[in-house]
C-alpha atoms as a PDB file:
ATOM      1  CA  MET A   1      27.437 139.672  33.023  1.00  0.00           C
ATOM      2  CA  SER A   2      30.223 142.209  32.639  1.00  0.00           C
ATOM      3  CA  SER A   3      31.788 142.737  29.250  1.00  0.00           C
ATOM      4  CA  ALA A   4      35.525 143.406  29.047  1.00  0.00           C
ATOM      5  CA  ARG A   5      37.281 145.237  26.242  1.00  0.00           C
ATOM      6  CA  ARG A   6      40.922 145.779  25.323  1.00  0.00           C
ATOM      7  CA  ALA A   7      42.263 148.949  26.932  1.00  0.00           C
ATOM      8  CA  THR A   8      43.526 151.821  24.773  1.00  0.00           C
ATOM      9  CA  PRO A   9      46.025 154.619  25.485  1.00  0.00           C
ATOM     10  CA  GLU A  10      43.047 156.797  26.479  1.00  0.00           C
ATOM     11  CA  ASP A  11      42.477 154.460  29.455  1.00  0.00           C
ATOM     12  CA  ALA A  12      45.962 154.991  30.893  1.00  0.00           C
ATOM     13  CA  GLU A  13      45.015 157.496  33.622  1.00  0.00           C
ATOM     14  CA  GLU A  14      42.164 155.289  34.823  1.00  0.00           C
ATOM     15  CA  LEU A  15      44.448 152.254  34.818  1.00  0.00           C
ATOM     16  CA  ILE A  16      46.838 154.146  37.082  1.00  0.00           C
ATOM     17  CA  ARG A  17      43.923 155.008  39.382  1.00  0.00           C
ATOM     18  CA  LEU A  18      42.999 151.316  39.554  1.00  0.00           C
ATOM     19  CA  ARG A  19      46.657 150.381  40.126  1.00  0.00           C
ATOM     20  CA  LYS A  20      46.599 152.689  43.152  1.00  0.00           C
ATOM     21  CA  VAL A  21      43.375 150.971  44.306  1.00  0.00           C
ATOM     22  CA  MET A  22      45.257 147.667  44.105  1.00  0.00           C
ATOM     23  CA  PHE A  23      48.216 149.069  46.057  1.00  0.00           C
ATOM     24  CA  ASP A  24      45.880 150.466  48.722  1.00  0.00           C
ATOM     25  CA  SER A  25      44.238 147.053  49.025  1.00  0.00           C
ATOM     26  CA  LEU A  26      47.613 145.330  49.388  1.00  0.00           C
ATOM     27  CA  ALA A  27      48.742 147.905  51.957  1.00  0.00           C
ATOM     28  CA  THR A  28      46.022 146.686  54.301  1.00  0.00           C
ATOM     29  CA  SER A  29      47.082 143.052  53.904  1.00  0.00           C
ATOM     30  CA  PRO A  30      48.439 141.491  57.105  1.00  0.00           C
ATOM     31  CA  THR A  31      51.132 139.672  55.096  1.00  0.00           C
ATOM     32  CA  ARG A  32      52.658 142.789  53.523  1.00  0.00           C
ATOM     33  CA  PRO A  33      54.178 145.778  55.272  1.00  0.00           C
ATOM     34  CA  ARG A  34      52.239 148.986  54.649  1.00  0.00           C
ATOM     35  CA  ALA A  35      55.406 150.825  53.603  1.00  0.00           C
ATOM     36  CA  ASP A  36      55.726 148.620  50.520  1.00  0.00           C
ATOM     37  CA  PHE A  37      52.734 150.327  48.882  1.00  0.00           C
ATOM     38  CA  SER A  38      52.641 153.756  50.496  1.00  0.00           C
ATOM     39  CA  ASP A  39      52.582 156.962  48.433  1.00  0.00           C
ATOM     40  CA  GLU A  40      54.767 158.602  51.063  1.00  0.00           C
ATOM     41  CA  GLY A  41      57.897 159.886  49.371  1.00  0.00           C
ATOM     42  CA  ASP A  42      56.269 159.389  45.956  1.00  0.00           C
ATOM     43  CA  THR A  43      59.050 158.919  43.433  1.00  0.00           C
ATOM     44  CA  GLY A  44      56.911 159.991  40.489  1.00  0.00           C
ATOM     45  CA  TRP A  45      55.676 156.496  39.702  1.00  0.00           C
ATOM     46  CA  LYS A  46      52.331 157.739  38.401  1.00  0.00           C
ATOM     47  CA  SER A  47      53.770 160.118  35.793  1.00  0.00           C
ATOM     48  CA  ALA A  48      56.407 157.586  34.720  1.00  0.00           C
ATOM     49  CA  THR A  49      53.784 154.850  34.512  1.00  0.00           C
ATOM     50  CA  LEU A  50      51.458 157.058  32.450  1.00  0.00           C
ATOM     51  CA  VAL A  51      54.110 157.417  29.729  1.00  0.00           C
ATOM     52  CA  ILE A  52      54.864 153.688  29.738  1.00  0.00           C
ATOM     53  CA  LEU A  53      51.192 152.679  29.734  1.00  0.00           C
ATOM     54  CA  ARG A  54      50.259 154.924  26.810  1.00  0.00           C
ATOM     55  CA  ASP A  55      53.152 153.540  24.789  1.00  0.00           C
ATOM     56  CA  ARG A  56      52.486 149.885  25.639  1.00  0.00           C
ATOM     57  CA  LEU A  57      48.716 150.159  25.111  1.00  0.00           C
ATOM     58  CA  ALA A  58      49.265 151.696  21.661  1.00  0.00           C
ATOM     59  CA  ASP A  59      51.233 148.616  20.557  1.00  0.00           C
ATOM     60  CA  VAL A  60      48.347 146.193  19.957  1.00  0.00           C
ATOM     61  CA  ASP A  61      50.709 143.549  18.533  1.00  0.00           C
ATOM     62  CA  GLY A  62      53.144 143.738  21.473  1.00  0.00           C
ATOM     63  CA  ASP A  63      53.582 141.527  24.500  1.00  0.00           C
ATOM     64  CA  PHE A  64      51.472 143.689  26.831  1.00  0.00           C
ATOM     65  CA  ALA A  65      47.710 143.837  27.192  1.00  0.00           C
ATOM     66  CA  ALA A  66      45.132 145.305  29.520  1.00  0.00           C
ATOM     67  CA  PHE A  67      41.459 144.446  29.604  1.00  0.00           C
ATOM     68  CA  VAL A  68      38.901 146.653  31.304  1.00  0.00           C
ATOM     69  CA  VAL A  69      35.241 146.907  32.191  1.00  0.00           C
ATOM     70  CA  ASP A  70      33.727 150.348  31.816  1.00  0.00           C
ATOM     71  CA  CYS A  71      31.471 152.032  34.361  1.00  0.00           C
ATOM     72  CA  SER A  72      28.376 153.684  33.000  1.00  0.00           C
ATOM     73  CA  GLU A  73      27.870 157.274  34.176  1.00  0.00           C
ATOM     74  CA  ILE A  74      25.134 156.139  36.538  1.00  0.00           C
ATOM     75  CA  GLU A  75      27.236 153.280  37.949  1.00  0.00           C
ATOM     76  CA  ALA A  76      30.411 155.336  38.380  1.00  0.00           C
ATOM     77  CA  LYS A  77      29.069 157.585  41.169  1.00  0.00           C
ATOM     78  CA  GLY A  78      32.123 159.801  40.820  1.00  0.00           C
ATOM     79  CA  THR A  79      34.665 156.966  41.146  1.00  0.00           C
ATOM     80  CA  GLY A  80      36.004 157.096  37.613  1.00  0.00           C
ATOM     81  CA  GLY A  81      35.443 155.639  34.204  1.00  0.00           C
ATOM     82  CA  LEU A  82      36.669 152.066  34.687  1.00  0.00           C
ATOM     83  CA  ALA A  83      35.131 149.489  36.996  1.00  0.00           C
ATOM     84  CA  ALA A  84      37.984 146.948  36.778  1.00  0.00           C
ATOM     85  CA  CYS A  85      41.115 145.894  34.940  1.00  0.00           C
ATOM     86  CA  ALA A  86      43.490 142.981  34.411  1.00  0.00           C
ATOM     87  CA  ILE A  87      46.932 143.615  32.929  1.00  0.00           C
ATOM     88  CA  GLY A  88      49.527 141.118  31.786  1.00  0.00           C
ATOM     89  CA  THR A  89      52.619 140.537  29.725  1.00  0.00           C
ATOM     90  CA  VAL A  90      54.085 137.761  27.636  1.00  0.00           C
ATOM     91  CA  GLU A  91      57.626 136.865  28.652  1.00  0.00           C
ATOM     92  CA  HIS A  92      60.171 135.014  26.519  1.00  0.00           C
ATOM     93  CA  ARG A  93      62.711 132.853  28.317  1.00  0.00           C
ATOM     94  CA  LEU A  94      64.674 129.733  27.513  1.00  0.00           C
ATOM     95  CA  GLY A  95      62.653 126.529  27.362  1.00  0.00           C
ATOM     96  CA  SER A  96      62.511 124.073  30.242  1.00  0.00           C
ATOM     97  CA  PRO A  97      61.025 120.618  30.877  1.00  0.00           C
ATOM     98  CA  ARG A  98      57.807 122.198  32.228  1.00  0.00           C
ATOM     99  CA  ASN A  99      57.702 124.925  29.569  1.00  0.00           C
ATOM    100  CA  PRO A 100      59.446 123.761  26.373  1.00  0.00           C
ATOM    101  CA  THR A 101      58.823 126.983  24.432  1.00  0.00           C
ATOM    102  CA  GLY A 102      59.976 129.247  27.254  1.00  0.00           C
ATOM    103  CA  VAL A 103      56.979 131.510  26.608  1.00  0.00           C
ATOM    104  CA  SER A 104      54.978 132.442  29.688  1.00  0.00           C
ATOM    105  CA  GLY A 105      52.477 134.999  30.798  1.00  0.00           C
ATOM    106  CA  HIS A 106      52.521 137.123  33.907  1.00  0.00           C
ATOM    107  CA  VAL A 107      49.399 138.803  35.296  1.00  0.00           C
ATOM    108  CA  PHE A 108      50.483 141.706  37.445  1.00  0.00           C
ATOM    109  CA  ASN A 109      47.605 144.097  37.959  1.00  0.00           C
ATOM    110  CA  VAL A 110      44.030 143.053  38.668  1.00  0.00           C
ATOM    111  CA  ALA A 111      41.899 145.646  40.410  1.00  0.00           C
ATOM    112  CA  THR A 112      38.266 146.583  40.866  1.00  0.00           C
ATOM    113  CA  ASP A 113      37.008 149.956  41.985  1.00  0.00           C
ATOM    114  CA  PRO A 114      35.735 149.551  45.577  1.00  0.00           C
ATOM    115  CA  GLY A 115      32.235 150.681  44.582  1.00  0.00           C
ATOM    116  CA  GLN A 116      32.094 148.126  41.750  1.00  0.00           C
ATOM    117  CA  ARG A 117      33.150 144.939  43.547  1.00  0.00           C
ATOM    118  CA  ARG A 118      31.288 141.601  43.615  1.00  0.00           C
ATOM    119  CA  GLN A 119      29.735 142.136  40.173  1.00  0.00           C
ATOM    120  CA  GLY A 120      31.967 139.889  38.058  1.00  0.00           C
ATOM    121  CA  HIS A 121      34.062 142.705  36.568  1.00  0.00           C
ATOM    122  CA  SER A 122      37.478 141.266  37.493  1.00  0.00           C
ATOM    123  CA  ARG A 123      36.382 137.837  36.271  1.00  0.00           C
ATOM    124  CA  ALA A 124      35.415 139.331  32.896  1.00  0.00           C
ATOM    125  CA  CYS A 125      38.777 141.109  32.652  1.00  0.00           C
ATOM    126  CA  MET A 126      40.697 137.976  33.625  1.00  0.00           C
ATOM    127  CA  GLU A 127      38.788 135.793  31.164  1.00  0.00           C
ATOM    128  CA  ALA A 128      39.550 138.275  28.365  1.00  0.00           C
ATOM    129  CA  LEU A 129      43.235 138.365  29.359  1.00  0.00           C
ATOM    130  CA  LEU A 130      43.383 134.541  29.455  1.00  0.00           C
ATOM    131  CA  ASP A 131      41.808 134.418  25.970  1.00  0.00           C
ATOM    132  CA  TRP A 132      44.473 136.874  24.774  1.00  0.00           C
ATOM    133  CA  TYR A 133      47.173 134.582  26.164  1.00  0.00           C
ATOM    134  CA  ARG A 134      45.597 131.573  24.425  1.00  0.00           C
ATOM    135  CA  THR A 135      45.579 133.350  21.033  1.00  0.00           C
ATOM    136  CA  ARG A 136      49.290 134.110  21.495  1.00  0.00           C
ATOM    137  CA  GLY A 137      50.140 130.478  22.290  1.00  0.00           C
ATOM    138  CA  VAL A 138      50.915 131.130  25.954  1.00  0.00           C
ATOM    139  CA  ARG A 139      50.181 128.044  28.027  1.00  0.00           C
ATOM    140  CA  LYS A 140      51.911 128.902  31.340  1.00  0.00           C
ATOM    141  CA  ILE A 141      50.642 131.942  33.243  1.00  0.00           C
ATOM    142  CA  ASP A 142      51.810 133.160  36.647  1.00  0.00           C
ATOM    143  CA  LEU A 143      50.453 135.697  39.090  1.00  0.00           C
ATOM    144  CA  HIS A 144      50.789 136.714  42.726  1.00  0.00           C
ATOM    145  CA  ALA A 145      47.420 136.477  44.454  1.00  0.00           C
ATOM    146  CA  SER A 146      46.126 138.468  47.372  1.00  0.00           C
ATOM    147  CA  SER A 147      43.969 136.554  49.824  1.00  0.00           C
ATOM    148  CA  ALA A 148      40.931 138.457  48.502  1.00  0.00           C
ATOM    149  CA  GLY A 149      41.733 137.537  44.892  1.00  0.00           C
ATOM    150  CA  GLU A 150      42.716 133.917  45.406  1.00  0.00           C
ATOM    151  CA  PRO A 151      39.163 132.470  45.137  1.00  0.00           C
ATOM    152  CA  LEU A 152      38.727 134.104  41.708  1.00  0.00           C
ATOM    153  CA  TYR A 153      42.052 132.789  40.427  1.00  0.00           C
ATOM    154  CA  THR A 154      41.391 129.318  41.815  1.00  0.00           C
ATOM    155  CA  SER A 155      38.016 129.248  40.037  1.00  0.00           C
ATOM    156  CA  LEU A 156      39.833 130.112  36.796  1.00  0.00           C
ATOM    157  CA  GLY A 157      42.195 127.153  37.230  1.00  0.00           C
ATOM    158  CA  PHE A 158      45.224 128.753  38.903  1.00  0.00           C
ATOM    159  CA  ALA A 159      46.939 126.716  41.622  1.00  0.00           C
ATOM    160  CA  ARG A 160      49.611 127.522  44.190  1.00  0.00           C
ATOM    161  CA  THR A 161      53.128 126.462  43.153  1.00  0.00           C
ATOM    162  CA  PRO A 162      56.048 125.325  45.302  1.00  0.00           C
ATOM    163  CA  ASP A 163      58.429 127.686  43.514  1.00  0.00           C
ATOM    164  CA  PRO A 164      59.960 130.150  45.952  1.00  0.00           C
ATOM    165  CA  SER A 165      60.186 133.773  44.988  1.00  0.00           C
ATOM    166  CA  MET A 166      63.096 136.030  45.902  1.00  0.00           C
ATOM    167  CA  ARG A 167      63.915 139.640  45.050  1.00  0.00           C
ATOM    168  CA  LEU A 168      66.916 141.959  44.997  1.00  0.00           C
ATOM    169  CA  SER A 169      66.393 145.720  44.815  1.00  0.00           C
ATOM    170  CA  ILE A 170      69.494 147.571  43.573  1.00  0.00           C
END
Protein backbone atom coordinates (compact mmCIF):
# COMPACT_ATOMS: atom_id res chain seq x y z
CA MET A 1 0.00 0.00 0.00
CA SER A 2 1.24 3.47 -0.89
CA SER A 3 1.97 5.93 1.87
CA ALA A 4 1.14 9.60 1.31
CA ARG A 5 2.79 12.52 3.06
CA ARG A 6 2.07 16.24 3.21
CA ALA A 7 3.93 18.09 0.46
CA THR A 8 6.53 20.74 1.34
CA PRO A 9 7.83 23.75 -0.62
CA GLU A 10 10.67 21.51 -1.85
CA ASP A 11 8.07 19.45 -3.76
CA ALA A 12 6.80 22.42 -5.77
CA GLU A 13 8.68 21.69 -9.02
CA GLU A 14 7.54 18.06 -8.99
CA LEU A 15 3.97 19.14 -8.30
CA ILE A 16 4.12 21.35 -11.38
CA ARG A 17 5.43 18.40 -13.40
CA LEU A 18 2.49 16.30 -12.19
CA ARG A 19 0.08 19.17 -12.93
CA LYS A 20 1.37 19.10 -16.51
CA VAL A 21 0.82 15.30 -16.56
CA MET A 22 -2.79 15.98 -15.53
CA PHE A 23 -3.21 18.63 -18.24
CA ASP A 24 -1.74 16.28 -20.86
CA SER A 25 -4.19 13.58 -19.77
CA LEU A 26 -7.13 15.99 -20.01
CA ALA A 27 -5.96 17.20 -23.42
CA THR A 28 -6.57 13.73 -24.81
CA SER A 29 -10.09 13.60 -23.38
CA PRO A 30 -12.83 13.49 -26.03
CA THR A 31 -14.98 15.86 -23.94
CA ARG A 32 -12.42 18.67 -23.73
CA PRO A 33 -10.83 20.59 -26.58
CA ARG A 34 -7.07 20.05 -26.79
CA ALA A 35 -6.42 23.80 -26.88
CA ASP A 36 -7.70 24.15 -23.32
CA PHE A 37 -4.60 22.42 -21.94
CA SER A 38 -1.95 23.05 -24.57
CA ASP A 39 1.43 24.58 -23.71
CA GLU A 40 1.35 26.43 -27.02
CA GLY A 41 1.69 30.13 -26.32
CA ASP A 42 2.76 29.37 -22.74
CA THR A 43 1.90 32.39 -20.63
CA GLY A 44 4.45 31.55 -17.94
CA TRP A 45 2.05 29.48 -15.86
CA LYS A 46 4.79 27.19 -14.59
CA SER A 47 7.00 29.95 -13.16
CA ALA A 48 4.00 31.79 -11.69
CA THR A 49 2.67 28.56 -10.21
CA LEU A 50 6.06 27.70 -8.70
CA VAL A 51 6.04 30.93 -6.66
CA ILE A 52 2.45 30.38 -5.53
CA LEU A 53 3.00 26.71 -4.66
CA ARG A 54 6.10 27.36 -2.56
CA ASP A 55 4.26 30.05 -0.62
CA ARG A 56 1.07 28.02 -0.10
CA LEU A 57 2.93 24.82 0.84
CA ALA A 58 4.96 26.71 3.46
CA ASP A 59 1.75 27.77 5.24
CA VAL A 60 0.90 24.50 7.02
CA ASP A 61 -2.00 26.14 8.89
CA GLY A 62 -3.54 27.66 5.74
CA ASP A 63 -6.44 26.55 3.60
CA PHE A 64 -4.30 24.75 1.01
CA ALA A 65 -2.79 21.29 1.16
CA ALA A 66 -1.08 18.83 -1.14
CA PHE A 67 -0.41 15.19 -0.41
CA VAL A 68 2.10 13.16 -2.36
CA VAL A 69 3.54 9.69 -2.75
CA ASP A 70 7.27 9.54 -3.34
CA CYS A 71 8.99 7.39 -5.95
CA SER A 72 12.01 5.48 -4.80
CA GLU A 73 15.08 5.90 -7.02
CA ILE A 74 14.54 2.43 -8.45
CA GLU A 75 10.83 3.04 -9.11
CA ALA A 76 11.29 6.49 -10.65
CA LYS A 77 13.09 5.29 -13.81
CA GLY A 78 13.93 8.89 -14.66
CA THR A 79 10.35 10.18 -14.38
CA GLY A 80 10.84 12.35 -11.32
CA GLY A 81 10.65 12.23 -7.58
CA LEU A 82 6.89 12.04 -7.01
CA ALA A 83 4.63 9.20 -8.08
CA ALA A 84 1.32 11.01 -7.43
CA CYS A 85 -0.37 13.98 -5.81
CA ALA A 86 -3.74 15.32 -4.68
CA ILE A 87 -4.15 19.04 -4.00
CA GLY A 88 -7.08 20.86 -2.47
CA THR A 89 -8.28 24.01 -0.80
CA VAL A 90 -10.77 24.97 1.87
CA GLU A 91 -13.22 27.63 0.71
CA HIS A 92 -15.30 29.88 2.96
CA ARG A 93 -18.67 31.01 1.64
CA LEU A 94 -21.99 31.97 3.16
CA GLY A 95 -23.99 29.12 4.66
CA SER A 96 -26.84 27.44 2.81
CA PRO A 97 -29.47 24.79 3.59
CA ARG A 98 -27.16 22.04 2.26
CA ASN A 99 -24.02 23.53 3.84
CA PRO A 100 -24.92 25.55 6.96
CA THR A 101 -21.33 26.54 7.78
CA GLY A 102 -20.51 27.61 4.23
CA VAL A 103 -17.17 25.80 4.50
CA SER A 104 -16.35 23.50 1.60
CA GLY A 105 -13.39 21.78 0.07
CA HIS A 106 -12.33 21.72 -3.54
CA VAL A 107 -9.98 19.08 -4.95
CA PHE A 108 -8.39 20.47 -8.08
CA ASN A 109 -5.28 18.51 -8.95
CA VAL A 110 -4.98 14.74 -8.75
CA ALA A 111 -2.30 13.21 -10.94
CA THR A 112 -0.16 10.10 -11.16
CA ASP A 113 3.02 9.78 -13.15
CA PRO A 114 2.24 7.57 -16.18
CA GLY A 115 4.87 5.02 -15.13
CA GLN A 116 3.40 4.77 -11.62
CA ARG A 117 -0.30 4.22 -12.38
CA ARG A 118 -2.53 1.41 -11.06
CA GLN A 119 -0.56 1.06 -7.81
CA GLY A 120 -2.88 2.89 -5.41
CA HIS A 121 -0.83 6.11 -5.26
CA SER A 122 -3.69 8.50 -6.13
CA ARG A 123 -5.97 6.69 -3.69
CA ALA A 124 -3.40 7.17 -0.90
CA CYS A 125 -3.09 10.87 -1.75
CA MET A 126 -6.86 11.33 -1.88
CA GLU A 127 -7.41 9.51 1.41
CA ALA A 128 -4.80 11.74 3.08
CA LEU A 129 -6.42 14.86 1.60
CA LEU A 130 -9.88 13.71 2.77
CA ASP A 131 -8.47 13.14 6.28
CA TRP A 132 -7.04 16.68 6.20
CA TYR A 133 -10.49 18.02 5.28
CA ARG A 134 -12.08 16.04 8.13
CA THR A 135 -9.63 17.48 10.70
CA ARG A 136 -10.54 20.98 9.49
CA GLY A 137 -14.28 20.36 9.84
CA VAL A 138 -14.95 20.33 6.10
CA ARG A 139 -17.92 18.12 5.30
CA LYS A 140 -18.69 19.12 1.68
CA ILE A 141 -16.00 18.48 -0.92
CA ASP A 142 -16.26 19.07 -4.67
CA LEU A 143 -14.11 18.04 -7.60
CA HIS A 144 -14.28 17.75 -11.37
CA ALA A 145 -13.61 14.17 -12.43
CA SER A 146 -12.09 12.90 -15.63
CA SER A 147 -13.56 9.68 -16.96
CA ALA A 148 -10.35 7.88 -15.94
CA GLY A 149 -10.55 9.24 -12.38
CA GLU A 150 -14.26 8.80 -11.79
CA PRO A 151 -14.08 5.17 -10.55
CA LEU A 152 -11.58 6.19 -7.84
CA TYR A 153 -13.72 9.11 -6.68
CA THR A 154 -16.88 7.01 -6.72
CA SER A 155 -15.16 4.38 -4.56
CA LEU A 156 -14.28 7.14 -2.08
CA GLY A 157 -17.93 8.20 -1.84
CA PHE A 158 -18.14 11.05 -4.36
CA ALA A 159 -21.31 11.24 -6.46
CA ARG A 160 -22.31 13.27 -9.50
CA THR A 161 -24.36 16.39 -8.68
CA PRO A 162 -27.06 18.11 -10.72
CA ASP A 163 -25.45 21.51 -10.18
CA PRO A 164 -24.50 23.09 -13.49
CA SER A 165 -21.15 24.74 -13.84
CA MET A 166 -20.53 27.89 -15.86
CA ARG A 167 -17.45 30.04 -16.39
CA LEU A 168 -16.56 33.55 -17.54
CA SER A 169 -12.99 34.36 -18.55
CA ILE A 170 -12.25 38.10 -18.45
